[in-house]
């Protein structure tokens, strides 16, 4: 079993307080986040963009693995995952969907790449973790 850790410290009230996010590896250490960076588009990080980055990275790696299994060597896989947070959901804010936008450069049949892209969307571990609708646009070439 592989286990990785992320941690957060929050001090103060929701709207007036603030916190820091860190990762076990130390890549993020004490990165600030606040109500304003999450809900008011202020500069800074928030849980949704971190989930988006994790989703994009996971998806790209999984697609590369699937392509390798078909002897397709990707030149590049560039992916963005847009995480949608609905703040008005009954019971509290809810992540309702994730949208993957990926551009694949590889010397292979476009239909095969699209097939593998769909498999990666459903099969990457972060996609499986998210309890949300996951959509995708794929550009090949």
N, C-alpha and C. Protein backbone atom coordinates (compact mmCIF):
# COMPACT_ATOMS: atom_id res chain seq x y z
N UNK A 1 0.85 -1.18 0.00
CA UNK A 1 0.00 0.00 0.00
C UNK A 1 0.90 1.24 0.00
N UNK A 2 0.64 2.14 -0.90
CA UNK A 2 1.35 3.41 -0.96
C UNK A 2 0.52 4.44 -0.21
N UNK A 3 1.13 5.16 0.69
CA UNK A 3 0.43 6.21 1.43
C UNK A 3 1.22 7.50 1.33
N UNK A 4 0.55 8.58 1.00
CA UNK A 4 1.15 9.91 0.93
C UNK A 4 0.33 10.85 1.80
N UNK A 5 0.97 11.88 2.34
CA UNK A 5 0.26 12.77 3.26
C UNK A 5 0.30 14.22 2.79
N UNK A 6 -0.80 14.87 3.00
CA UNK A 6 -0.90 16.31 2.91
C UNK A 6 -1.50 16.78 4.22
N UNK A 7 -1.18 17.98 4.63
CA UNK A 7 -1.71 18.46 5.90
C UNK A 7 -2.12 19.92 5.78
N UNK A 8 -2.98 20.33 6.69
CA UNK A 8 -3.44 21.71 6.72
C UNK A 8 -3.58 22.15 8.16
N UNK A 9 -3.30 23.42 8.38
CA UNK A 9 -3.52 24.07 9.67
C UNK A 9 -4.41 25.27 9.40
N UNK A 10 -5.48 25.41 10.17
CA UNK A 10 -6.38 26.55 10.03
C UNK A 10 -6.47 27.26 11.37
N UNK A 11 -6.43 28.58 11.36
CA UNK A 11 -6.56 29.37 12.59
C UNK A 11 -7.59 30.46 12.38
N UNK A 12 -8.51 30.57 13.31
CA UNK A 12 -9.50 31.64 13.25
C UNK A 12 -10.81 31.19 12.64
N UNK A 13 -11.68 32.17 12.42
CA UNK A 13 -13.00 31.90 11.85
C UNK A 13 -12.87 31.63 10.35
N UNK A 14 -13.96 31.17 9.76
CA UNK A 14 -13.94 30.85 8.33
C UNK A 14 -13.58 32.06 7.49
N UNK A 15 -14.27 33.17 7.67
CA UNK A 15 -14.06 34.33 6.80
C UNK A 15 -12.87 35.19 7.21
N UNK A 16 -12.52 35.21 8.46
CA UNK A 16 -11.43 36.08 8.91
C UNK A 16 -10.13 35.33 9.18
N UNK A 17 -10.21 34.02 9.27
CA UNK A 17 -9.03 33.23 9.57
C UNK A 17 -8.23 32.89 8.33
N UNK A 18 -7.30 32.01 8.50
CA UNK A 18 -6.48 31.56 7.40
C UNK A 18 -5.74 30.31 7.78
N UNK A 19 -5.12 29.71 6.79
CA UNK A 19 -4.43 28.47 7.06
C UNK A 19 -3.25 28.27 6.14
N UNK A 20 -2.58 27.15 6.38
CA UNK A 20 -1.46 26.75 5.53
C UNK A 20 -1.63 25.30 5.13
N UNK A 21 -1.12 24.99 3.95
CA UNK A 21 -1.16 23.63 3.40
C UNK A 21 0.27 23.18 3.20
N UNK A 22 0.55 21.93 3.56
CA UNK A 22 1.88 21.36 3.37
C UNK A 22 1.76 19.93 2.85
N UNK A 23 2.83 19.47 2.23
CA UNK A 23 2.87 18.09 1.77
C UNK A 23 4.03 17.36 2.45
N UNK A 24 3.87 16.07 2.54
CA UNK A 24 4.88 15.22 3.17
C UNK A 24 6.25 15.39 2.51
N UNK A 25 6.27 15.54 1.19
CA UNK A 25 7.54 15.67 0.46
C UNK A 25 8.21 17.02 0.69
N UNK A 26 7.44 18.00 1.15
CA UNK A 26 7.99 19.33 1.35
C UNK A 26 7.90 20.22 0.13
N UNK A 27 7.34 19.71 -0.97
CA UNK A 27 7.19 20.52 -2.17
C UNK A 27 6.31 21.73 -1.87
N UNK A 28 5.22 21.51 -1.14
CA UNK A 28 4.44 22.61 -0.57
C UNK A 28 4.73 22.60 0.91
N UNK A 29 5.09 23.73 1.45
CA UNK A 29 5.33 23.80 2.89
C UNK A 29 4.85 25.16 3.39
N UNK A 30 3.77 25.13 4.14
CA UNK A 30 3.25 26.37 4.70
C UNK A 30 2.64 27.30 3.67
N UNK A 31 2.04 26.75 2.60
CA UNK A 31 1.41 27.58 1.57
C UNK A 31 0.09 28.10 2.12
N UNK A 32 -0.11 29.42 2.05
CA UNK A 32 -1.29 30.06 2.63
C UNK A 32 -2.54 29.83 1.80
N UNK A 33 -3.67 29.70 2.49
CA UNK A 33 -4.99 29.71 1.87
C UNK A 33 -5.98 30.35 2.81
N UNK A 34 -7.02 30.97 2.23
CA UNK A 34 -8.02 31.69 3.02
C UNK A 34 -9.40 31.52 2.40
N UNK A 35 -10.40 32.03 3.08
CA UNK A 35 -11.75 32.08 2.52
C UNK A 35 -11.73 32.82 1.18
N UNK A 36 -11.00 33.94 1.13
CA UNK A 36 -10.96 34.76 -0.08
C UNK A 36 -10.29 34.04 -1.25
N UNK A 37 -9.27 33.22 -0.98
CA UNK A 37 -8.61 32.50 -2.08
C UNK A 37 -9.47 31.34 -2.57
N UNK A 38 -10.40 30.91 -1.76
CA UNK A 38 -11.27 29.80 -2.16
C UNK A 38 -12.58 30.27 -2.77
N UNK A 39 -13.19 31.27 -2.17
CA UNK A 39 -14.54 31.65 -2.57
C UNK A 39 -14.65 33.01 -3.26
N UNK A 40 -13.59 33.80 -3.24
CA UNK A 40 -13.67 35.16 -3.79
C UNK A 40 -12.63 35.43 -4.88
N UNK A 41 -12.04 34.42 -5.43
CA UNK A 41 -11.07 34.56 -6.52
C UNK A 41 -9.88 35.46 -6.19
N UNK A 42 -9.52 35.53 -4.94
CA UNK A 42 -8.31 36.28 -4.56
C UNK A 42 -7.09 35.41 -4.88
N UNK A 43 -5.96 36.05 -5.10
CA UNK A 43 -4.74 35.34 -5.45
C UNK A 43 -4.30 34.46 -4.28
N UNK A 44 -3.97 33.24 -4.59
CA UNK A 44 -3.56 32.26 -3.58
C UNK A 44 -4.15 30.92 -3.90
N UNK A 45 -3.79 29.93 -3.15
CA UNK A 45 -4.26 28.58 -3.46
C UNK A 45 -5.56 28.25 -2.75
N UNK A 46 -6.11 27.11 -3.09
CA UNK A 46 -7.33 26.61 -2.47
C UNK A 46 -7.42 25.11 -2.74
N UNK A 47 -8.24 24.39 -1.98
CA UNK A 47 -8.32 22.94 -2.16
C UNK A 47 -8.70 22.51 -3.58
N UNK A 48 -9.59 23.27 -4.23
CA UNK A 48 -10.05 22.84 -5.56
C UNK A 48 -8.94 22.89 -6.61
N UNK A 49 -8.09 23.92 -6.58
CA UNK A 49 -7.02 23.97 -7.57
C UNK A 49 -5.98 22.89 -7.29
N UNK A 50 -5.79 22.55 -6.03
CA UNK A 50 -4.86 21.47 -5.70
C UNK A 50 -5.41 20.13 -6.17
N UNK A 51 -6.72 19.93 -6.02
CA UNK A 51 -7.35 18.71 -6.54
C UNK A 51 -7.24 18.68 -8.06
N UNK A 52 -7.46 19.84 -8.70
CA UNK A 52 -7.33 19.92 -10.15
C UNK A 52 -5.93 19.54 -10.61
N UNK A 53 -4.92 20.05 -9.94
CA UNK A 53 -3.54 19.71 -10.30
C UNK A 53 -3.28 18.22 -10.10
N UNK A 54 -3.76 17.67 -9.00
CA UNK A 54 -3.58 16.24 -8.74
C UNK A 54 -4.30 15.40 -9.79
N UNK A 55 -5.51 15.82 -10.16
CA UNK A 55 -6.29 15.09 -11.15
C UNK A 55 -5.60 15.12 -12.51
N UNK A 56 -5.13 16.30 -12.93
CA UNK A 56 -4.44 16.43 -14.22
C UNK A 56 -3.17 15.58 -14.26
N UNK A 57 -2.41 15.60 -13.17
CA UNK A 57 -1.18 14.82 -13.12
C UNK A 57 -1.47 13.32 -13.16
N UNK A 58 -2.43 12.89 -12.37
CA UNK A 58 -2.80 11.47 -12.32
C UNK A 58 -3.29 10.99 -13.67
N UNK A 59 -4.19 11.76 -14.28
CA UNK A 59 -4.74 11.40 -15.58
C UNK A 59 -3.64 11.29 -16.63
N UNK A 60 -2.75 12.28 -16.68
CA UNK A 60 -1.68 12.27 -17.69
C UNK A 60 -0.77 11.06 -17.52
N UNK A 61 -0.44 10.73 -16.28
CA UNK A 61 0.40 9.57 -16.02
C UNK A 61 -0.31 8.27 -16.43
N UNK A 62 -1.59 8.18 -16.10
CA UNK A 62 -2.34 6.97 -16.42
C UNK A 62 -2.49 6.81 -17.93
N UNK A 63 -2.75 7.92 -18.63
CA UNK A 63 -2.84 7.86 -20.09
C UNK A 63 -1.51 7.44 -20.69
N UNK A 64 -0.40 7.96 -20.17
CA UNK A 64 0.92 7.55 -20.66
C UNK A 64 1.14 6.06 -20.45
N UNK A 65 0.69 5.54 -19.32
CA UNK A 65 0.81 4.10 -19.06
C UNK A 65 -0.01 3.27 -20.05
N UNK A 66 -1.25 3.71 -20.29
CA UNK A 66 -2.10 2.99 -21.25
C UNK A 66 -1.51 3.04 -22.65
N UNK A 67 -0.99 4.20 -23.04
CA UNK A 67 -0.38 4.33 -24.36
C UNK A 67 0.85 3.45 -24.46
N UNK A 68 1.66 3.40 -23.41
CA UNK A 68 2.84 2.54 -23.41
C UNK A 68 2.48 1.07 -23.57
N UNK A 69 1.35 0.69 -22.97
CA UNK A 69 0.88 -0.69 -23.11
C UNK A 69 0.48 -1.05 -24.53
N UNK A 70 0.26 -0.03 -25.35
CA UNK A 70 -0.10 -0.22 -26.76
C UNK A 70 1.09 0.13 -27.68
N UNK A 71 2.29 0.23 -27.09
CA UNK A 71 3.51 0.60 -27.82
C UNK A 71 3.40 1.96 -28.49
N UNK A 72 2.66 2.88 -27.86
CA UNK A 72 2.56 4.26 -28.34
C UNK A 72 3.38 5.11 -27.39
N UNK A 73 4.33 5.84 -27.94
CA UNK A 73 5.19 6.69 -27.12
C UNK A 73 4.73 8.14 -27.28
N UNK A 74 4.09 8.70 -26.23
CA UNK A 74 3.64 10.08 -26.35
C UNK A 74 4.82 11.06 -26.34
N UNK A 75 4.75 12.03 -27.23
CA UNK A 75 5.72 13.13 -27.19
C UNK A 75 5.38 14.02 -26.01
N UNK A 76 4.08 14.31 -25.85
CA UNK A 76 3.63 15.08 -24.70
C UNK A 76 2.15 14.85 -24.45
N UNK A 77 1.78 14.99 -23.19
CA UNK A 77 0.38 14.95 -22.75
C UNK A 77 0.23 16.16 -21.83
N UNK A 78 -0.56 17.15 -22.27
CA UNK A 78 -0.78 18.36 -21.47
C UNK A 78 -2.24 18.38 -21.03
N UNK A 79 -2.44 18.38 -19.73
CA UNK A 79 -3.80 18.26 -19.20
C UNK A 79 -4.09 19.33 -18.16
N UNK A 80 -5.31 19.85 -18.22
CA UNK A 80 -5.86 20.74 -17.19
C UNK A 80 -7.13 20.09 -16.66
N UNK A 81 -7.30 20.10 -15.36
CA UNK A 81 -8.55 19.63 -14.76
C UNK A 81 -9.20 20.82 -14.06
N UNK A 82 -10.40 21.17 -14.51
CA UNK A 82 -11.15 22.26 -13.91
C UNK A 82 -12.14 21.67 -12.92
N UNK A 83 -11.99 22.02 -11.66
CA UNK A 83 -12.85 21.51 -10.60
C UNK A 83 -13.95 22.54 -10.33
N UNK A 84 -15.20 22.11 -10.38
CA UNK A 84 -16.34 23.01 -10.14
C UNK A 84 -16.87 22.81 -8.73
N UNK A 85 -16.88 23.89 -7.96
CA UNK A 85 -17.39 23.89 -6.60
C UNK A 85 -18.66 24.72 -6.58
N UNK A 86 -19.77 24.10 -6.20
CA UNK A 86 -21.05 24.80 -6.09
C UNK A 86 -21.24 25.21 -4.64
N UNK A 87 -21.09 26.52 -4.34
CA UNK A 87 -21.21 26.97 -2.95
C UNK A 87 -22.65 26.98 -2.44
N UNK A 88 -23.64 26.82 -3.32
CA UNK A 88 -25.04 26.91 -2.89
C UNK A 88 -25.70 25.55 -2.71
N UNK A 89 -24.94 24.48 -2.73
CA UNK A 89 -25.51 23.14 -2.58
C UNK A 89 -26.09 22.97 -1.18
N UNK A 90 -27.26 22.34 -1.12
CA UNK A 90 -27.88 22.07 0.18
C UNK A 90 -26.93 21.19 0.98
N UNK A 91 -26.69 21.56 2.22
CA UNK A 91 -25.76 20.82 3.07
C UNK A 91 -24.35 21.37 3.03
N UNK A 92 -24.10 22.36 2.18
CA UNK A 92 -22.78 22.98 2.12
C UNK A 92 -22.16 22.87 0.75
N UNK A 93 -21.10 23.63 0.51
CA UNK A 93 -20.44 23.62 -0.80
C UNK A 93 -20.05 22.21 -1.21
N UNK A 94 -20.21 21.92 -2.51
CA UNK A 94 -19.95 20.58 -3.02
C UNK A 94 -19.21 20.65 -4.34
N UNK A 95 -18.18 19.80 -4.48
CA UNK A 95 -17.53 19.64 -5.78
C UNK A 95 -18.51 18.84 -6.64
N UNK A 96 -18.96 19.45 -7.73
CA UNK A 96 -19.99 18.82 -8.56
C UNK A 96 -19.44 18.20 -9.83
N UNK A 97 -18.30 18.69 -10.33
CA UNK A 97 -17.75 18.07 -11.52
C UNK A 97 -16.28 18.44 -11.70
N UNK A 98 -15.66 17.65 -12.54
CA UNK A 98 -14.28 17.90 -12.95
C UNK A 98 -14.27 17.79 -14.47
N UNK A 99 -13.62 18.73 -15.13
CA UNK A 99 -13.53 18.68 -16.58
C UNK A 99 -12.06 18.61 -16.98
N UNK A 100 -11.72 17.54 -17.68
CA UNK A 100 -10.36 17.37 -18.18
C UNK A 100 -10.25 17.94 -19.59
N UNK A 101 -9.23 18.72 -19.83
CA UNK A 101 -8.89 19.19 -21.18
C UNK A 101 -7.46 18.72 -21.42
N UNK A 102 -7.29 17.85 -22.39
CA UNK A 102 -5.97 17.27 -22.62
C UNK A 102 -5.57 17.37 -24.08
N UNK A 103 -4.31 17.63 -24.29
CA UNK A 103 -3.76 17.68 -25.64
C UNK A 103 -2.64 16.65 -25.70
N UNK A 104 -2.78 15.74 -26.64
CA UNK A 104 -1.83 14.63 -26.77
C UNK A 104 -1.08 14.76 -28.09
N UNK A 105 0.23 14.69 -28.01
CA UNK A 105 1.07 14.63 -29.21
C UNK A 105 1.74 13.27 -29.22
N UNK A 106 1.41 12.50 -30.25
CA UNK A 106 1.97 11.15 -30.37
C UNK A 106 1.80 10.69 -31.81
N UNK A 107 2.75 9.93 -32.28
CA UNK A 107 2.67 9.37 -33.63
C UNK A 107 1.85 8.09 -33.61
N UNK A 108 0.55 8.24 -33.51
CA UNK A 108 -0.34 7.08 -33.44
C UNK A 108 -1.70 7.45 -34.00
N UNK A 109 -2.51 6.43 -34.22
CA UNK A 109 -3.87 6.61 -34.73
C UNK A 109 -4.71 7.44 -33.76
N UNK A 110 -5.35 8.49 -34.26
CA UNK A 110 -6.14 9.38 -33.40
C UNK A 110 -7.26 8.65 -32.69
N UNK A 111 -7.93 7.74 -33.38
CA UNK A 111 -9.04 7.00 -32.76
C UNK A 111 -8.54 6.17 -31.58
N UNK A 112 -7.37 5.58 -31.72
CA UNK A 112 -6.80 4.77 -30.63
C UNK A 112 -6.45 5.66 -29.44
N UNK A 113 -5.87 6.83 -29.71
CA UNK A 113 -5.53 7.75 -28.62
C UNK A 113 -6.80 8.19 -27.90
N UNK A 114 -7.85 8.51 -28.64
CA UNK A 114 -9.11 8.91 -28.01
C UNK A 114 -9.69 7.78 -27.15
N UNK A 115 -9.61 6.56 -27.64
CA UNK A 115 -10.09 5.40 -26.87
C UNK A 115 -9.32 5.28 -25.55
N UNK A 116 -8.01 5.41 -25.63
CA UNK A 116 -7.19 5.31 -24.43
C UNK A 116 -7.44 6.49 -23.49
N UNK A 117 -7.69 7.67 -24.06
CA UNK A 117 -7.99 8.85 -23.25
C UNK A 117 -9.26 8.62 -22.42
N UNK A 118 -10.27 8.03 -23.03
CA UNK A 118 -11.52 7.73 -22.29
C UNK A 118 -11.27 6.72 -21.18
N UNK A 119 -10.45 5.71 -21.47
CA UNK A 119 -10.12 4.72 -20.44
C UNK A 119 -9.37 5.37 -19.28
N UNK A 120 -8.47 6.28 -19.61
CA UNK A 120 -7.70 6.97 -18.57
C UNK A 120 -8.62 7.86 -17.73
N UNK A 121 -9.58 8.51 -18.37
CA UNK A 121 -10.53 9.38 -17.64
C UNK A 121 -11.26 8.58 -16.57
N UNK A 122 -11.72 7.40 -16.92
CA UNK A 122 -12.47 6.58 -15.97
C UNK A 122 -11.56 5.85 -14.99
N UNK A 123 -10.33 5.53 -15.41
CA UNK A 123 -9.50 4.65 -14.62
C UNK A 123 -8.45 5.29 -13.74
N UNK A 124 -8.15 6.57 -13.93
CA UNK A 124 -7.10 7.14 -13.09
C UNK A 124 -7.59 7.20 -11.64
N UNK A 125 -6.70 6.93 -10.68
CA UNK A 125 -7.14 6.86 -9.29
C UNK A 125 -7.83 8.12 -8.76
N UNK A 126 -7.42 9.30 -9.21
CA UNK A 126 -8.08 10.52 -8.72
C UNK A 126 -9.47 10.65 -9.31
N UNK A 127 -9.67 10.23 -10.58
CA UNK A 127 -11.02 10.20 -11.15
C UNK A 127 -11.92 9.30 -10.31
N UNK A 128 -11.39 8.15 -9.91
CA UNK A 128 -12.16 7.22 -9.10
C UNK A 128 -12.49 7.81 -7.73
N UNK A 129 -11.59 8.63 -7.20
CA UNK A 129 -11.79 9.24 -5.88
C UNK A 129 -12.89 10.29 -5.90
N UNK A 130 -12.96 11.05 -6.98
CA UNK A 130 -13.93 12.15 -7.06
C UNK A 130 -15.35 11.61 -7.19
N UNK A 131 -16.24 12.08 -6.36
CA UNK A 131 -17.64 11.71 -6.45
C UNK A 131 -18.36 12.82 -7.20
N UNK A 132 -18.00 12.94 -8.50
CA UNK A 132 -18.51 14.05 -9.30
C UNK A 132 -18.56 13.63 -10.76
N UNK A 133 -19.31 14.36 -11.55
CA UNK A 133 -19.33 14.15 -12.99
C UNK A 133 -17.96 14.54 -13.55
N UNK A 134 -17.40 13.67 -14.40
CA UNK A 134 -16.12 13.97 -15.02
C UNK A 134 -16.32 14.01 -16.52
N UNK A 135 -16.04 15.16 -17.14
CA UNK A 135 -16.15 15.32 -18.58
C UNK A 135 -14.75 15.56 -19.14
N UNK A 136 -14.64 15.54 -20.50
CA UNK A 136 -13.31 15.67 -21.08
C UNK A 136 -13.39 16.15 -22.52
N UNK A 137 -12.40 16.95 -22.92
CA UNK A 137 -12.14 17.31 -24.30
C UNK A 137 -10.74 16.83 -24.62
N UNK A 138 -10.57 16.17 -25.76
CA UNK A 138 -9.26 15.68 -26.18
C UNK A 138 -8.87 16.31 -27.49
N UNK A 139 -7.66 16.82 -27.57
CA UNK A 139 -7.08 17.32 -28.81
C UNK A 139 -5.87 16.47 -29.11
N UNK A 140 -5.82 15.94 -30.31
CA UNK A 140 -4.69 15.10 -30.72
C UNK A 140 -3.95 15.84 -31.82
N UNK A 141 -2.64 15.90 -31.66
CA UNK A 141 -1.82 16.51 -32.70
C UNK A 141 -1.11 17.74 -32.24
